């Protein structure tokens, strides 16, 4: 196994839910994994304040449990994916926050969100239109 392979395996273990690579202290990897999920929850809370507030003191643990095994996609996308996964149970302010994002951006759950105005312009250009 090359150094690059070992590094990829460690990153996968830390943020992607992969197995702890041989030769690494399991307790240290687990502690780092927990710390990274906690940091990620904080970043998502800054991007999605009403979503995080809806969970109060349970936010970090709830988000971290959801994020376990899911590689980070950035705070906007992580919050969006989480919100969509619990859409039916969201309180009103968090539901409104999600609805506002859904109205402002096109997001298919795979590619990065694109402001809806840009989507329309891109489609017009692609179709040969200029306005």
C-alpha atoms as a PDB file:
ATOM      1  CA  UNK A   1       0.000   0.000   0.000  1.00  0.00           C
ATOM      2  CA  UNK A   2       1.404   3.386  -0.959  1.00  0.00           C
ATOM      3  CA  UNK A   3       1.458   6.418   1.298  1.00  0.00           C
ATOM      4  CA  UNK A   4      -1.322   7.952  -0.829  1.00  0.00           C
ATOM      5  CA  UNK A   5      -3.442   4.815  -0.329  1.00  0.00           C
ATOM      6  CA  UNK A   6      -2.878   4.976   3.425  1.00  0.00           C
ATOM      7  CA  UNK A   7      -3.827   8.649   3.492  1.00  0.00           C
ATOM      8  CA  UNK A   8      -7.022   7.979   1.520  1.00  0.00           C
ATOM      9  CA  UNK A   9      -7.906   5.129   3.894  1.00  0.00           C
ATOM     10  CA  UNK A  10      -7.358   7.367   6.924  1.00  0.00           C
ATOM     11  CA  UNK A  11      -9.485  10.167   5.458  1.00  0.00           C
ATOM     12  CA  UNK A  12     -12.218   7.655   4.639  1.00  0.00           C
ATOM     13  CA  UNK A  13     -12.069   6.364   8.219  1.00  0.00           C
ATOM     14  CA  UNK A  14     -12.281   9.891   9.622  1.00  0.00           C
ATOM     15  CA  UNK A  15     -15.039  11.371   7.489  1.00  0.00           C
ATOM     16  CA  UNK A  16     -16.439   8.695   5.197  1.00  0.00           C
ATOM     17  CA  UNK A  17     -17.327   5.881   7.558  1.00  0.00           C
ATOM     18  CA  UNK A  18     -14.520   3.604   6.430  1.00  0.00           C
ATOM     19  CA  UNK A  19     -12.713   1.063   8.573  1.00  0.00           C
ATOM     20  CA  UNK A  20      -9.793   2.217  10.707  1.00  0.00           C
ATOM     21  CA  UNK A  21      -6.634   1.451   8.723  1.00  0.00           C
ATOM     22  CA  UNK A  22      -4.118  -0.965  10.108  1.00  0.00           C
ATOM     23  CA  UNK A  23      -1.347   0.711  12.049  1.00  0.00           C
ATOM     24  CA  UNK A  24      -3.440   3.579  13.414  1.00  0.00           C
ATOM     25  CA  UNK A  25      -4.537   3.853  17.026  1.00  0.00           C
ATOM     26  CA  UNK A  26      -8.253   3.034  16.944  1.00  0.00           C
ATOM     27  CA  UNK A  27      -9.063   5.219  19.953  1.00  0.00           C
ATOM     28  CA  UNK A  28      -7.330   8.214  18.392  1.00  0.00           C
ATOM     29  CA  UNK A  29      -9.098   7.758  15.063  1.00  0.00           C
ATOM     30  CA  UNK A  30     -12.482   7.413  16.802  1.00  0.00           C
ATOM     31  CA  UNK A  31     -11.852  10.536  18.922  1.00  0.00           C
ATOM     32  CA  UNK A  32     -10.844  12.516  15.836  1.00  0.00           C
ATOM     33  CA  UNK A  33     -13.888  11.238  13.946  1.00  0.00           C
ATOM     34  CA  UNK A  34     -16.158  12.484  16.761  1.00  0.00           C
ATOM     35  CA  UNK A  35     -14.404  15.860  16.877  1.00  0.00           C
ATOM     36  CA  UNK A  36     -14.721  16.298  13.110  1.00  0.00           C
ATOM     37  CA  UNK A  37     -18.455  15.504  13.183  1.00  0.00           C
ATOM     38  CA  UNK A  38     -18.903  18.009  16.020  1.00  0.00           C
ATOM     39  CA  UNK A  39     -17.043  20.658  13.993  1.00  0.00           C
ATOM     40  CA  UNK A  40     -19.132  19.817  10.937  1.00  0.00           C
ATOM     41  CA  UNK A  41     -22.345  20.228  12.960  1.00  0.00           C
ATOM     42  CA  UNK A  42     -21.173  23.688  14.007  1.00  0.00           C
ATOM     43  CA  UNK A  43     -20.452  24.678  10.407  1.00  0.00           C
ATOM     44  CA  UNK A  44     -23.867  23.463   9.287  1.00  0.00           C
ATOM     45  CA  UNK A  45     -25.490  25.349  12.171  1.00  0.00           C
ATOM     46  CA  UNK A  46     -23.940  28.584  10.885  1.00  0.00           C
ATOM     47  CA  UNK A  47     -25.304  27.914   7.373  1.00  0.00           C
ATOM     48  CA  UNK A  48     -28.697  26.676   8.639  1.00  0.00           C
ATOM     49  CA  UNK A  49     -29.397  28.543  11.901  1.00  0.00           C
ATOM     50  CA  UNK A  50     -33.121  27.755  12.158  1.00  0.00           C
ATOM     51  CA  UNK A  51     -32.547  24.087  11.391  1.00  0.00           C
ATOM     52  CA  UNK A  52     -29.945  23.819  14.146  1.00  0.00           C
ATOM     53  CA  UNK A  53     -32.061  25.843  16.570  1.00  0.00           C
ATOM     54  CA  UNK A  54     -34.962  23.465  15.994  1.00  0.00           C
ATOM     55  CA  UNK A  55     -32.937  20.743  17.702  1.00  0.00           C
ATOM     56  CA  UNK A  56     -31.598  22.900  20.537  1.00  0.00           C
ATOM     57  CA  UNK A  57     -29.102  21.054  22.722  1.00  0.00           C
ATOM     58  CA  UNK A  58     -29.626  17.886  20.672  1.00  0.00           C
ATOM     59  CA  UNK A  59     -28.385  19.466  17.420  1.00  0.00           C
ATOM     60  CA  UNK A  60     -24.776  18.310  17.554  1.00  0.00           C
ATOM     61  CA  UNK A  61     -25.617  14.724  18.530  1.00  0.00           C
ATOM     62  CA  UNK A  62     -28.514  14.485  16.075  1.00  0.00           C
ATOM     63  CA  UNK A  63     -26.546  15.868  13.160  1.00  0.00           C
ATOM     64  CA  UNK A  64     -23.446  13.833  14.038  1.00  0.00           C
ATOM     65  CA  UNK A  65     -25.480  10.615  14.056  1.00  0.00           C
ATOM     66  CA  UNK A  66     -26.883  11.474  10.628  1.00  0.00           C
ATOM     67  CA  UNK A  67     -23.441  12.473   9.291  1.00  0.00           C
ATOM     68  CA  UNK A  68     -21.750   9.278  10.469  1.00  0.00           C
ATOM     69  CA  UNK A  69     -20.608   7.477   7.340  1.00  0.00           C
ATOM     70  CA  UNK A  70     -21.511  10.359   5.014  1.00  0.00           C
ATOM     71  CA  UNK A  71     -18.583  12.259   3.534  1.00  0.00           C
ATOM     72  CA  UNK A  72     -18.814  16.036   3.969  1.00  0.00           C
ATOM     73  CA  UNK A  73     -20.278  17.961   1.038  1.00  0.00           C
ATOM     74  CA  UNK A  74     -19.915  21.435   2.523  1.00  0.00           C
ATOM     75  CA  UNK A  75     -22.130  23.043   5.125  1.00  0.00           C
ATOM     76  CA  UNK A  76     -24.808  24.230   2.693  1.00  0.00           C
ATOM     77  CA  UNK A  77     -25.258  20.800   1.108  1.00  0.00           C
ATOM     78  CA  UNK A  78     -24.867  18.871   4.368  1.00  0.00           C
ATOM     79  CA  UNK A  79     -27.587  20.957   6.010  1.00  0.00           C
ATOM     80  CA  UNK A  80     -29.793  20.651   2.960  1.00  0.00           C
ATOM     81  CA  UNK A  81     -29.427  16.877   2.804  1.00  0.00           C
ATOM     82  CA  UNK A  82     -30.091  16.574   6.533  1.00  0.00           C
ATOM     83  CA  UNK A  83     -33.144  18.860   6.340  1.00  0.00           C
ATOM     84  CA  UNK A  84     -34.571  16.883   3.444  1.00  0.00           C
ATOM     85  CA  UNK A  85     -34.072  13.647   5.356  1.00  0.00           C
ATOM     86  CA  UNK A  86     -36.183  14.915   8.278  1.00  0.00           C
ATOM     87  CA  UNK A  87     -38.507  17.192   6.277  1.00  0.00           C
ATOM     88  CA  UNK A  88     -41.712  15.663   7.675  1.00  0.00           C
ATOM     89  CA  UNK A  89     -40.729  16.392  11.274  1.00  0.00           C
ATOM     90  CA  UNK A  90     -39.231  19.874  10.901  1.00  0.00           C
ATOM     91  CA  UNK A  91     -40.697  22.638  13.043  1.00  0.00           C
ATOM     92  CA  UNK A  92     -42.106  25.673  11.160  1.00  0.00           C
ATOM     93  CA  UNK A  93     -39.018  27.939  11.175  1.00  0.00           C
ATOM     94  CA  UNK A  94     -36.729  25.167   9.959  1.00  0.00           C
ATOM     95  CA  UNK A  95     -39.304  24.130   7.352  1.00  0.00           C
ATOM     96  CA  UNK A  96     -39.452  27.740   6.143  1.00  0.00           C
ATOM     97  CA  UNK A  97     -35.658  27.902   5.961  1.00  0.00           C
ATOM     98  CA  UNK A  98     -35.618  24.766   3.798  1.00  0.00           C
ATOM     99  CA  UNK A  99     -38.442  26.097   1.605  1.00  0.00           C
ATOM    100  CA  UNK A 100     -36.557  29.358   1.045  1.00  0.00           C
ATOM    101  CA  UNK A 101     -33.448  27.449  -0.058  1.00  0.00           C
ATOM    102  CA  UNK A 102     -35.530  25.207  -2.316  1.00  0.00           C
ATOM    103  CA  UNK A 103     -37.069  28.312  -3.928  1.00  0.00           C
ATOM    104  CA  UNK A 104     -33.768  30.150  -4.374  1.00  0.00           C
ATOM    105  CA  UNK A 105     -31.581  27.279  -5.589  1.00  0.00           C
ATOM    106  CA  UNK A 106     -31.817  24.239  -7.811  1.00  0.00           C
ATOM    107  CA  UNK A 107     -30.329  21.284  -5.947  1.00  0.00           C
ATOM    108  CA  UNK A 108     -30.691  17.700  -7.072  1.00  0.00           C
ATOM    109  CA  UNK A 109     -28.909  16.137  -4.104  1.00  0.00           C
ATOM    110  CA  UNK A 110     -25.871  15.260  -6.213  1.00  0.00           C
ATOM    111  CA  UNK A 111     -24.355  18.395  -7.763  1.00  0.00           C
ATOM    112  CA  UNK A 112     -23.701  21.687  -6.015  1.00  0.00           C
ATOM    113  CA  UNK A 113     -26.742  23.970  -5.631  1.00  0.00           C
ATOM    114  CA  UNK A 114     -27.125  26.591  -8.352  1.00  0.00           C
ATOM    115  CA  UNK A 115     -29.082  29.825  -7.929  1.00  0.00           C
ATOM    116  CA  UNK A 116     -32.337  29.399  -9.847  1.00  0.00           C
ATOM    117  CA  UNK A 117     -31.798  32.542 -11.933  1.00  0.00           C
ATOM    118  CA  UNK A 118     -28.557  31.055 -13.228  1.00  0.00           C
ATOM    119  CA  UNK A 119     -30.265  27.785 -14.102  1.00  0.00           C
ATOM    120  CA  UNK A 120     -32.782  29.591 -16.275  1.00  0.00           C
ATOM    121  CA  UNK A 121     -30.033  31.631 -17.961  1.00  0.00           C
ATOM    122  CA  UNK A 122     -27.969  28.508 -18.577  1.00  0.00           C
ATOM    123  CA  UNK A 123     -30.952  26.698 -20.098  1.00  0.00           C
ATOM    124  CA  UNK A 124     -31.684  29.660 -22.391  1.00  0.00           C
ATOM    125  CA  UNK A 125     -28.052  29.810 -23.555  1.00  0.00           C
ATOM    126  CA  UNK A 126     -27.999  26.079 -24.136  1.00  0.00           C
ATOM    127  CA  UNK A 127     -31.202  26.297 -26.197  1.00  0.00           C
ATOM    128  CA  UNK A 128     -29.655  29.035 -28.320  1.00  0.00           C
ATOM    129  CA  UNK A 129     -31.585  31.943 -26.836  1.00  0.00           C
ATOM    130  CA  UNK A 130     -29.817  35.088 -25.679  1.00  0.00           C
ATOM    131  CA  UNK A 131     -32.339  36.657 -23.290  1.00  0.00           C
END
